[in-house]
Amino acid sequence: MDKSMSLKSYEKSSLLTYAFSIILTTIIMLLFIYSSSDMLHPFIIPTYISGVIICFDLIDWMRGRMSVFDPIGFLGLFGYHFFFIAPLLQVYWARGMTYVIEPADWRTWLLGMGIINMIGLIIYRISYNYFGRRKKSKQNKTKKMELNTRKLVAITVPILVITFALQTYIYLSFGGISGYINTYSSGEGSFEGLGFLFLIAESFPIIFLILLIQIIHKKKWSKNYILLLIILAVYFVLKLYFGGLRGSRSNTLWGLIWAVGIIHLFIRPIGRKAIIVGSVFLLGFIYIYGLYKGAGEEIFNASSTAELGEITEETGRGIETVLLGDLSRTSTQAFILHKLVEHPDSYTLAKGRSYIGDVSILIPKRIYPNRQPTKVKEGTEIIRGKDTYNPNGYTSSRIYGLTGEFMLNFGYVFAPLVFILLGYFVSSVRSVLYSLKKGDSRFYLYPFLVIMCFLILVQDLDNLIFSITKNLLIPYFIIVLSSQKKERGSNYEVTVRS
């Protein structure tokens, strides 16, 4: 094919992406403006621009210009809500924050965060393109790693027995599953000191899935949709049994995405429509699970939608909480900006101290009882004022996200620069996708790396460290110990968009 024609075709396709992004974002913005006069405020300008910028990646993903599990497309899918839809919904629903003295007008601080995010997203796009070009030279040089099924069985079967026994022991120590649920519902903190046991036991589902897929992935019958749905259903039940009943929505949510990614990479490709439909299911799951987190076992007694609605109202965990609490950090980051600007004397910047405290969670308290407090200290003091942190009294358990924790440490002026880190990580994960050979054993871990691209955006460093340690540590060592190098192999996919 003539190179100039290919270039013209690529540029035409890119222009279509830009056009679709502007049209979609404009239509949504106009619908919000039509629905509420509160939208007529300058905050909507940077929010709109942010939406258009992140929508470029979403539209490219939907048009098939990149792999289904390309991290840029994944972040575009979730980021469109995070940067554009969520701020509009906060104003539309007139939602703020509980247990704080709220600013007089949230829109003023959404305007500020909109500007920070707008600049940050521009930096993010420049960053992942820059780092991506640097990493291209390393592609096609990586040797293929292939799982030895016999080694995998020999390693994983004893681990599965141990992890199952640990989880069973945990349930028995609380008087069974019902006692476990009651303990969780009471919120008495009886799970303290069990973190290490949870870390080991809750790795059962993903280890089981890796073993199962490795055994069946070369069989023709493994591509049957019914079989794959059954596998996902069994995996879902296992995720509930191993940690899900503790109210850990993220433990189950990201685990399901990981499972779908493994099926996509090793069994049969999952279409974009299926991903979108699955996202709706996951949204419903987060909603129901949020009710469980707020009401405990009472949720199992609801026999009608009316009773479910009453529980939603009592717990304050409706769909608004899902979209603005679980999948967004809009209000918390706007609140931090409000406090830093209007009440600068009530808070002292941590200047990196919270990151040191976050990393120190890797050291058990038994070894280092006086370890640095995590971002919980800064989160408490941004709400109540400097020197109000008391680990034995009230502490804030809020999560502030990548930009929020940066502002707690270094203020808001240079906050957009933190998006360089996001761009670097996304380009690094993307490099993994396009440098590994098809069937490489490291693809069993790859979907979680994609998930981390969003987790970096919405979690704080301590949450991120815990997520990586808990979810990735044991599977990583299993894959490494069970793999052997192969010289031959073709790359998994070739991206269309540069």
Protein backbone atom coordinates (compact mmCIF):
# COMPACT_ATOMS: atom_id res chain seq x y z
CA MET A 1 0.00 0.00 0.00
CA ASP A 2 1.25 3.51 -0.83
CA LYS A 3 2.55 5.18 2.31
CA SER A 4 1.03 8.57 1.48
CA MET A 5 -2.40 6.96 1.01
CA SER A 6 -1.98 5.12 4.29
CA LEU A 7 -1.08 8.37 6.03
CA LYS A 8 -4.08 10.15 4.50
CA SER A 9 -6.36 7.33 5.62
CA TYR A 10 -4.95 7.51 9.15
CA GLU A 11 -5.38 11.29 9.33
CA LYS A 12 -8.96 11.01 8.04
CA SER A 13 -9.70 8.39 10.69
CA SER A 14 -8.22 10.63 13.39
CA LEU A 15 -10.37 13.54 12.27
CA LEU A 16 -13.44 11.32 12.60
CA THR A 17 -12.38 10.50 16.16
CA TYR A 18 -12.07 14.19 17.02
CA ALA A 19 -15.44 14.95 15.43
CA PHE A 20 -17.25 12.10 17.25
CA SER A 21 -15.65 13.12 20.55
CA ILE A 22 -16.78 16.73 20.23
CA ILE A 23 -20.28 15.76 19.10
CA LEU A 24 -20.84 13.19 21.87
CA THR A 25 -19.49 15.44 24.63
CA THR A 26 -21.45 18.45 23.35
CA ILE A 27 -24.73 16.52 23.24
CA ILE A 28 -24.27 15.25 26.81
CA MET A 29 -23.33 18.71 28.06
CA LEU A 30 -26.38 20.30 26.38
CA LEU A 31 -28.67 17.68 27.93
CA PHE A 32 -27.34 18.56 31.38
CA ILE A 33 -27.73 22.30 30.72
CA TYR A 34 -31.28 21.73 29.50
CA SER A 35 -32.07 19.64 32.62
CA SER A 36 -30.69 22.05 35.21
CA SER A 37 -30.06 25.80 35.26
CA ASP A 38 -27.31 25.15 37.85
CA MET A 39 -25.12 24.07 34.94
CA LEU A 40 -24.90 27.66 33.71
CA HIS A 41 -21.63 28.35 35.48
CA PRO A 42 -18.01 28.68 34.25
CA PHE A 43 -17.11 25.30 35.79
CA ILE A 44 -18.68 23.65 32.76
CA ILE A 45 -16.03 25.04 30.37
CA PRO A 46 -12.91 23.17 31.64
CA THR A 47 -15.11 20.18 32.45
CA TYR A 48 -16.32 20.10 28.84
CA ILE A 49 -12.79 20.44 27.44
CA SER A 50 -11.58 17.65 29.75
CA GLY A 51 -14.42 15.48 28.47
CA VAL A 52 -13.47 16.08 24.84
CA ILE A 53 -9.79 15.32 25.51
CA ILE A 54 -10.38 11.99 27.28
CA CYS A 55 -13.16 11.10 24.83
CA PHE A 56 -10.59 10.88 22.02
CA ASP A 57 -9.30 7.65 23.59
CA LEU A 58 -12.81 6.36 24.30
CA ILE A 59 -13.93 6.87 20.68
CA ASP A 60 -10.73 5.30 19.30
CA TRP A 61 -11.38 2.29 21.53
CA MET A 62 -15.01 2.02 20.42
CA ARG A 63 -13.99 2.30 16.75
CA GLY A 64 -11.53 -0.58 17.10
CA ARG A 65 -8.43 1.52 16.55
CA MET A 66 -6.74 -0.18 19.47
CA SER A 67 -6.91 -3.50 21.30
CA VAL A 68 -9.90 -4.19 23.56
CA PHE A 69 -7.52 -4.38 26.53
CA ASP A 70 -5.34 -1.46 25.53
CA PRO A 71 -4.79 0.58 28.73
CA ILE A 72 -5.34 3.86 26.87
CA GLY A 73 -8.81 2.72 25.81
CA PHE A 74 -9.55 1.30 29.26
CA LEU A 75 -8.67 4.62 30.89
CA GLY A 76 -10.68 6.44 28.23
CA LEU A 77 -13.74 4.35 29.11
CA PHE A 78 -13.52 4.95 32.86
CA GLY A 79 -11.93 8.40 32.57
CA TYR A 80 -14.82 9.83 30.57
CA HIS A 81 -16.99 9.39 33.63
CA PHE A 82 -14.26 10.41 36.07
CA PHE A 83 -13.35 13.71 34.40
CA PHE A 84 -16.57 14.70 32.63
CA ILE A 85 -19.76 12.94 33.72
CA ALA A 86 -19.06 12.90 37.49
CA PRO A 87 -18.61 16.70 37.95
CA LEU A 88 -21.83 17.32 36.01
CA LEU A 89 -23.70 14.75 38.09
CA GLN A 90 -22.48 16.31 41.33
CA VAL A 91 -24.03 19.63 40.36
CA TYR A 92 -27.14 18.05 38.83
CA TRP A 93 -27.84 15.99 41.96
CA ALA A 94 -26.65 18.79 44.28
CA ARG A 95 -24.36 16.36 46.06
CA GLY A 96 -21.49 17.33 48.33
CA MET A 97 -19.65 15.66 51.21
CA THR A 98 -20.89 14.38 54.55
CA TYR A 99 -19.35 15.25 57.93
CA VAL A 100 -17.59 18.38 56.66
CA ILE A 101 -18.35 22.10 56.53
CA GLU A 102 -19.11 22.41 52.85
CA PRO A 103 -18.16 25.39 50.65
CA ALA A 104 -20.91 27.85 49.81
CA ASP A 105 -20.88 26.90 46.12
CA TRP A 106 -19.29 23.64 45.00
CA ARG A 107 -19.18 24.86 41.40
CA THR A 108 -16.41 27.34 42.22
CA TRP A 109 -14.12 24.52 43.30
CA LEU A 110 -15.26 22.22 40.53
CA LEU A 111 -14.12 25.02 38.23
CA GLY A 112 -10.70 24.96 39.89
CA MET A 113 -10.42 21.18 39.69
CA GLY A 114 -11.69 21.31 36.12
CA ILE A 115 -8.79 23.57 35.17
CA ILE A 116 -6.30 21.29 36.98
CA ASN A 117 -7.73 18.20 35.25
CA MET A 118 -7.87 19.90 31.85
CA ILE A 119 -4.18 20.86 32.02
CA GLY A 120 -3.37 17.46 33.52
CA LEU A 121 -5.07 15.57 30.68
CA ILE A 122 -3.13 17.55 28.10
CA ILE A 123 0.07 16.65 29.95
CA TYR A 124 -1.13 13.02 30.17
CA ARG A 125 -1.63 12.75 26.40
CA ILE A 126 1.76 14.32 25.70
CA SER A 127 3.36 12.02 28.27
CA TYR A 128 2.01 8.70 27.06
CA ASN A 129 2.86 9.59 23.46
CA TYR A 130 6.40 10.63 24.44
CA PHE A 131 7.11 7.62 26.65
CA GLY A 132 5.36 5.34 24.16
CA ARG A 133 7.73 6.36 21.35
CA ARG A 134 10.72 5.68 23.59
CA LYS A 135 9.46 2.20 24.42
CA LYS A 136 8.74 1.19 20.82
CA SER A 137 12.40 0.39 20.24
CA LYS A 138 12.14 -2.38 22.85
CA GLN A 139 9.19 -4.10 21.19
CA ASN A 140 9.72 -7.42 19.36
CA LYS A 141 12.90 -8.05 21.41
CA THR A 142 11.19 -9.75 24.34
CA LYS A 143 11.52 -13.53 24.52
CA LYS A 144 8.32 -15.47 24.97
CA MET A 145 7.62 -16.99 28.38
CA GLU A 146 5.45 -20.10 28.26
CA LEU A 147 3.81 -21.88 31.17
CA ASN A 148 4.81 -25.45 31.91
CA THR A 149 1.47 -26.99 32.82
CA ARG A 150 2.99 -29.76 34.94
CA LYS A 151 4.98 -27.25 36.98
CA LEU A 152 1.90 -25.07 37.31
CA VAL A 153 -0.18 -27.96 38.66
CA ALA A 154 2.59 -28.99 41.07
CA ILE A 155 2.88 -25.45 42.44
CA THR A 156 -0.74 -24.32 42.47
CA VAL A 157 -2.54 -27.37 43.89
CA PRO A 158 -0.81 -27.17 47.31
CA ILE A 159 -1.34 -23.39 47.35
CA LEU A 160 -5.04 -23.83 46.56
CA VAL A 161 -5.38 -26.31 49.41
CA ILE A 162 -3.62 -23.94 51.82
CA THR A 163 -5.63 -20.86 50.77
CA PHE A 164 -8.93 -22.74 50.97
CA ALA A 165 -8.01 -24.02 54.44
CA LEU A 166 -7.09 -20.49 55.56
CA GLN A 167 -10.39 -19.04 54.37
CA THR A 168 -12.32 -21.84 56.03
CA TYR A 169 -10.37 -21.23 59.26
CA ILE A 170 -11.29 -17.54 59.09
CA TYR A 171 -14.98 -18.37 58.78
CA LEU A 172 -14.84 -20.93 61.58
CA SER A 173 -13.11 -18.45 63.89
CA PHE A 174 -16.18 -16.21 63.54
CA GLY A 175 -18.67 -19.02 64.03
CA GLY A 176 -19.30 -19.70 60.36
CA ILE A 177 -20.28 -17.57 57.38
CA SER A 178 -23.30 -16.04 59.15
CA GLY A 179 -21.14 -15.06 62.11
CA TYR A 180 -18.59 -13.60 59.71
CA ILE A 181 -21.27 -11.50 58.03
CA ASN A 182 -22.69 -10.39 61.40
CA THR A 183 -19.22 -9.32 62.52
CA TYR A 184 -18.79 -7.31 59.35
CA SER A 185 -22.27 -5.76 59.74
CA SER A 186 -21.57 -4.70 63.32
CA GLY A 187 -18.50 -2.75 62.23
CA GLU A 188 -16.70 -3.56 65.46
CA GLY A 189 -13.29 -3.85 63.81
CA SER A 190 -12.89 -7.54 64.64
CA PHE A 191 -11.00 -8.10 61.38
CA GLU A 192 -7.97 -6.21 62.65
CA GLY A 193 -4.77 -8.23 62.60
CA LEU A 194 -6.08 -10.58 59.90
CA GLY A 195 -4.63 -8.64 56.96
CA PHE A 196 -1.89 -11.18 56.25
CA LEU A 197 -4.36 -14.08 56.32
CA PHE A 198 -6.67 -12.21 53.95
CA LEU A 199 -3.74 -11.52 51.62
CA ILE A 200 -2.95 -15.25 51.36
CA ALA A 201 -6.45 -16.73 51.41
CA GLU A 202 -8.08 -14.36 48.93
CA SER A 203 -5.64 -15.28 46.16
CA PHE A 204 -7.51 -18.60 45.68
CA PRO A 205 -9.92 -17.48 42.90
CA ILE A 206 -7.33 -16.04 40.51
CA ILE A 207 -4.91 -18.95 41.05
CA PHE A 208 -7.75 -21.39 40.39
CA LEU A 209 -8.71 -19.49 37.22
CA ILE A 210 -5.13 -19.42 35.89
CA LEU A 211 -4.80 -23.17 36.45
CA LEU A 212 -8.17 -23.89 34.81
CA ILE A 213 -7.57 -21.69 31.75
CA GLN A 214 -4.07 -23.11 31.27
CA ILE A 215 -5.46 -26.64 31.23
CA ILE A 216 -8.36 -25.98 28.82
CA HIS A 217 -7.22 -23.08 26.64
CA LYS A 218 -5.97 -25.24 23.75
CA LYS A 219 -9.14 -27.34 23.63
CA LYS A 220 -11.61 -26.48 20.85
CA TRP A 221 -14.58 -26.79 23.19
CA SER A 222 -13.11 -24.17 25.55
CA LYS A 223 -14.35 -21.41 23.23
CA ASN A 224 -18.00 -22.21 23.89
CA TYR A 225 -19.79 -19.10 25.22
CA ILE A 226 -21.95 -21.06 27.64
CA LEU A 227 -18.88 -22.69 29.16
CA LEU A 228 -17.15 -19.31 29.50
CA LEU A 229 -20.20 -17.81 31.23
CA ILE A 230 -20.25 -20.77 33.64
CA ILE A 231 -16.54 -20.24 34.37
CA LEU A 232 -17.16 -16.55 35.06
CA ALA A 233 -20.13 -17.39 37.29
CA VAL A 234 -18.07 -19.89 39.31
CA TYR A 235 -15.25 -17.38 39.57
CA PHE A 236 -17.72 -14.72 40.76
CA VAL A 237 -18.97 -17.04 43.52
CA LEU A 238 -15.39 -17.78 44.54
CA LYS A 239 -14.63 -14.05 44.74
CA LEU A 240 -17.61 -13.62 47.05
CA TYR A 241 -16.51 -16.52 49.25
CA PHE A 242 -12.89 -15.38 49.33
CA GLY A 243 -13.18 -11.81 50.59
CA GLY A 244 -16.35 -10.58 48.93
CA LEU A 245 -18.52 -11.09 52.00
CA ARG A 246 -16.19 -8.72 53.86
CA GLY A 247 -17.74 -5.89 51.83
CA SER A 248 -14.74 -5.51 49.52
CA ARG A 249 -16.41 -4.34 46.32
CA SER A 250 -13.15 -3.56 44.59
CA ASN A 251 -11.82 -7.03 45.43
CA THR A 252 -14.67 -8.55 43.43
CA LEU A 253 -15.06 -5.87 40.75
CA TRP A 254 -11.45 -5.76 39.59
CA GLY A 255 -11.21 -9.53 39.94
CA LEU A 256 -14.02 -9.96 37.42
CA ILE A 257 -12.34 -7.61 34.95
CA TRP A 258 -9.11 -9.58 35.41
CA ALA A 259 -10.95 -12.83 34.65
CA VAL A 260 -12.53 -11.39 31.49
CA GLY A 261 -9.10 -10.18 30.39
CA ILE A 262 -7.59 -13.67 30.80
CA ILE A 263 -10.42 -15.22 28.77
CA HIS A 264 -9.95 -12.54 26.09
CA LEU A 265 -6.19 -13.16 25.85
CA PHE A 266 -6.13 -16.96 26.09
CA ILE A 267 -9.52 -18.40 25.03
CA ARG A 268 -11.40 -16.14 22.63
CA PRO A 269 -11.57 -12.37 22.02
CA ILE A 270 -14.27 -10.48 23.91
CA GLY A 271 -16.08 -7.90 21.77
CA ARG A 272 -16.49 -4.25 22.69
CA LYS A 273 -20.27 -4.59 22.90
CA ALA A 274 -19.85 -7.39 25.44
CA ILE A 275 -17.47 -5.17 27.43
CA ILE A 276 -20.03 -2.32 27.50
CA VAL A 277 -22.87 -4.67 28.52
CA GLY A 278 -20.61 -6.15 31.17
CA SER A 279 -19.85 -2.65 32.46
CA VAL A 280 -23.57 -2.13 33.06
CA PHE A 281 -23.67 -5.39 35.03
CA LEU A 282 -20.67 -4.29 37.08
CA LEU A 283 -22.37 -0.96 37.78
CA GLY A 284 -25.40 -2.83 39.12
CA PHE A 285 -23.14 -5.08 41.15
CA ILE A 286 -21.37 -2.10 42.78
CA TYR A 287 -24.78 -0.63 43.66
CA ILE A 288 -26.08 -3.83 45.31
CA TYR A 289 -22.77 -4.39 47.04
CA GLY A 290 -22.81 -0.83 48.31
CA LEU A 291 -26.14 -1.58 49.96
CA TYR A 292 -24.61 -4.69 51.53
CA LYS A 293 -21.73 -2.60 52.80
CA GLY A 294 -24.16 -0.19 54.42
CA ALA A 295 -26.88 -2.56 55.63
CA GLY A 296 -25.04 -5.87 56.04
CA GLU A 297 -27.16 -9.04 56.05
CA GLU A 298 -30.37 -6.95 56.04
CA ILE A 299 -29.96 -6.72 52.27
CA PHE A 300 -30.64 -10.47 51.97
CA ASN A 301 -34.06 -10.01 53.58
CA ALA A 302 -35.29 -7.52 50.97
CA SER A 303 -38.06 -9.24 49.01
CA SER A 304 -39.15 -6.38 46.73
CA THR A 305 -37.83 -3.30 44.95
CA ALA A 306 -39.73 -1.17 47.47
CA GLU A 307 -37.83 -2.70 50.38
CA LEU A 308 -34.61 -2.33 48.42
CA GLY A 309 -35.48 1.34 47.95
CA GLU A 310 -36.01 1.76 51.68
CA ILE A 311 -32.62 0.22 52.41
CA THR A 312 -31.08 2.55 49.82
CA GLU A 313 -32.62 5.56 51.54
CA GLU A 314 -31.62 4.39 55.03
CA THR A 315 -28.02 3.67 54.13
CA GLY A 316 -27.57 6.63 51.77
CA ARG A 317 -25.91 4.30 49.25
CA GLY A 318 -27.91 4.84 46.08
CA ILE A 319 -26.62 4.96 42.53
CA GLU A 320 -25.30 8.46 43.32
CA THR A 321 -22.84 6.93 45.79
CA VAL A 322 -21.64 4.48 43.15
CA LEU A 323 -21.05 7.09 40.46
CA LEU A 324 -19.73 9.88 42.69
CA GLY A 325 -18.09 7.85 45.45
CA ASP A 326 -16.73 4.61 44.01
CA LEU A 327 -15.94 5.76 40.47
CA SER A 328 -15.03 9.38 41.13
CA ARG A 329 -13.08 11.66 43.46
CA THR A 330 -14.80 14.86 42.33
CA SER A 331 -16.09 16.12 45.67
CA THR A 332 -13.06 15.16 47.79
CA GLN A 333 -10.59 16.81 45.44
CA ALA A 334 -12.76 19.93 45.10
CA PHE A 335 -13.00 20.08 48.89
CA ILE A 336 -9.21 19.87 49.28
CA LEU A 337 -8.80 22.72 46.79
CA HIS A 338 -11.40 24.77 48.70
CA LYS A 339 -9.57 24.28 52.00
CA LEU A 340 -6.13 25.04 50.55
CA VAL A 341 -7.34 28.27 48.94
CA GLU A 342 -9.86 29.65 51.44
CA HIS A 343 -8.41 28.28 54.70
CA PRO A 344 -4.64 27.96 54.12
CA ASP A 345 -3.83 28.47 57.81
CA SER A 346 -5.93 25.49 58.89
CA TYR A 347 -3.75 22.92 57.15
CA THR A 348 -0.01 22.31 56.74
CA LEU A 349 1.16 20.63 53.55
CA ALA A 350 2.66 17.19 54.17
CA LYS A 351 5.52 17.76 51.66
CA GLY A 352 5.81 14.07 50.87
CA ARG A 353 5.29 12.74 54.39
CA SER A 354 2.06 10.92 53.52
CA TYR A 355 3.82 8.97 50.77
CA ILE A 356 6.45 7.79 53.27
CA GLY A 357 3.65 6.72 55.61
CA ASP A 358 1.86 4.95 52.76
CA VAL A 359 4.95 2.94 51.84
CA SER A 360 5.51 2.01 55.49
CA ILE A 361 2.35 -0.14 55.50
CA LEU A 362 4.59 -2.85 54.05
CA ILE A 363 6.27 -3.09 57.47
CA PRO A 364 4.12 -4.99 60.03
CA LYS A 365 3.25 -3.00 63.17
CA ARG A 366 4.76 -5.75 65.29
CA ILE A 367 8.14 -4.94 63.77
CA TYR A 368 7.68 -1.18 63.47
CA PRO A 369 4.93 -0.17 65.96
CA ASN A 370 5.64 3.58 65.62
CA ARG A 371 5.66 3.67 61.85
CA GLN A 372 4.66 6.87 60.06
CA PRO A 373 0.89 7.40 59.71
CA THR A 374 -0.47 7.13 56.20
CA LYS A 375 -2.42 9.78 54.32
CA VAL A 376 -5.12 9.27 56.98
CA LYS A 377 -3.33 11.93 59.04
CA GLU A 378 -3.49 14.51 56.25
CA GLY A 379 -7.04 13.52 55.37
CA THR A 380 -8.15 14.06 58.96
CA GLU A 381 -6.40 17.42 59.29
CA ILE A 382 -7.70 18.80 55.97
CA ILE A 383 -11.17 18.29 57.45
CA ARG A 384 -10.65 19.26 61.10
CA GLY A 385 -7.58 21.48 61.00
CA LYS A 386 -3.87 21.13 61.72
CA ASP A 387 -2.73 19.00 64.66
CA THR A 388 -6.18 17.42 65.11
CA TYR A 389 -5.08 13.92 64.06
CA ASN A 390 -5.50 11.37 66.84
CA PRO A 391 -5.08 7.71 65.82
CA ASN A 392 -7.15 6.66 68.84
CA GLY A 393 -9.99 9.07 68.06
CA TYR A 394 -11.69 10.23 64.87
CA THR A 395 -9.74 9.60 61.66
CA SER A 396 -10.83 10.16 58.09
CA SER A 397 -10.99 7.05 55.94
CA ARG A 398 -11.63 8.91 52.69
CA ILE A 399 -9.69 8.16 49.51
CA TYR A 400 -8.41 11.20 47.61
CA GLY A 401 -6.99 9.81 44.40
CA LEU A 402 -3.79 10.63 42.54
CA THR A 403 -4.37 14.39 42.31
CA GLY A 404 -5.96 14.67 45.74
CA GLU A 405 -3.07 13.08 47.63
CA PHE A 406 -0.59 15.18 45.65
CA MET A 407 -2.44 18.35 46.72
CA LEU A 408 -2.38 17.22 50.36
CA ASN A 409 1.40 17.04 50.06
CA PHE A 410 2.44 19.81 47.67
CA GLY A 411 -0.59 22.03 47.06
CA TYR A 412 -2.55 22.69 43.89
CA VAL A 413 -0.23 24.86 41.75
CA PHE A 414 1.82 21.95 40.37
CA ALA A 415 -0.94 19.34 40.68
CA PRO A 416 -1.33 18.83 36.88
CA LEU A 417 2.28 17.56 36.72
CA VAL A 418 1.26 14.37 38.54
CA PHE A 419 -0.39 13.29 35.27
CA ILE A 420 3.13 12.67 33.93
CA LEU A 421 3.26 9.66 36.25
CA LEU A 422 -0.09 8.45 34.88
CA GLY A 423 1.12 8.85 31.30
CA TYR A 424 4.35 6.98 32.02
CA PHE A 425 2.56 4.06 33.67
CA VAL A 426 -0.06 3.77 30.92
CA SER A 427 2.63 3.78 28.21
CA SER A 428 4.60 1.14 30.15
CA VAL A 429 1.57 -1.15 30.39
CA ARG A 430 0.80 -0.57 26.72
CA SER A 431 4.36 -1.56 25.87
CA VAL A 432 3.78 -4.88 27.65
CA LEU A 433 0.72 -5.59 25.48
CA TYR A 434 2.49 -5.00 22.18
CA SER A 435 5.87 -6.50 23.05
CA LEU A 436 4.79 -9.89 24.45
CA LYS A 437 4.16 -12.81 22.12
CA LYS A 438 0.76 -14.44 21.79
CA GLY A 439 0.26 -17.00 24.56
CA ASP A 440 2.99 -15.52 26.76
CA SER A 441 2.41 -16.60 30.37
CA ARG A 442 2.78 -13.02 31.57
CA PHE A 443 -0.53 -12.22 29.88
CA TYR A 444 -2.17 -13.92 32.88
CA LEU A 445 -1.01 -10.91 34.92
CA TYR A 446 -1.47 -8.26 32.23
CA PRO A 447 -5.20 -7.49 32.84
CA PHE A 448 -4.42 -6.44 36.41
CA LEU A 449 -1.79 -4.01 35.09
CA VAL A 450 -4.53 -2.47 32.93
CA ILE A 451 -6.77 -2.19 35.99
CA MET A 452 -3.95 -0.44 37.83
CA CYS A 453 -4.06 2.36 35.23
CA PHE A 454 -7.42 3.37 36.68
CA LEU A 455 -6.51 2.48 40.27
CA ILE A 456 -3.57 4.92 40.12
CA LEU A 457 -6.08 7.63 39.24
CA VAL A 458 -8.67 6.89 41.94
CA GLN A 459 -6.64 5.42 44.81
CA ASP A 460 -4.04 6.75 47.21
CA LEU A 461 -0.57 5.25 47.42
CA ASP A 462 -1.32 3.10 50.49
CA ASN A 463 -4.45 1.64 48.85
CA LEU A 464 -2.49 1.03 45.67
CA ILE A 465 0.34 -0.74 47.48
CA PHE A 466 -2.13 -2.95 49.33
CA SER A 467 -3.99 -3.77 46.08
CA ILE A 468 -0.78 -4.74 44.29
CA THR A 469 0.54 -6.82 47.19
CA LYS A 470 -2.76 -8.57 47.82
CA ASN A 471 -3.72 -9.28 44.21
CA LEU A 472 -0.47 -9.60 42.28
CA LEU A 473 2.23 -10.94 44.61
CA ILE A 474 1.32 -14.65 44.79
CA PRO A 475 0.14 -15.00 41.14
CA TYR A 476 3.35 -13.28 40.01
CA PHE A 477 5.61 -15.79 41.75
CA ILE A 478 3.49 -18.68 40.50
CA ILE A 479 3.81 -17.48 36.89
CA VAL A 480 7.56 -16.88 37.23
CA LEU A 481 8.25 -20.27 38.83
CA SER A 482 6.07 -22.14 36.32
CA SER A 483 7.35 -20.49 33.12
CA GLN A 484 10.16 -21.21 30.70
CA LYS A 485 11.59 -19.13 27.87
CA LYS A 486 10.75 -19.82 24.23
CA GLU A 487 12.61 -18.36 21.26
CA ARG A 488 9.74 -18.33 18.78
CA GLY A 489 6.40 -16.59 18.83
CA SER A 490 4.48 -13.79 17.15
CA ASN A 491 3.28 -10.64 18.84
CA TYR A 492 -0.20 -10.73 20.26
CA GLU A 493 -1.64 -7.77 18.36
CA VAL A 494 -0.52 -4.75 16.42
CA THR A 495 -2.06 -1.43 17.35
CA VAL A 496 -3.70 0.67 14.67
CA ARG A 497 -3.29 4.01 16.39
CA SER A 498 0.22 5.25 17.13
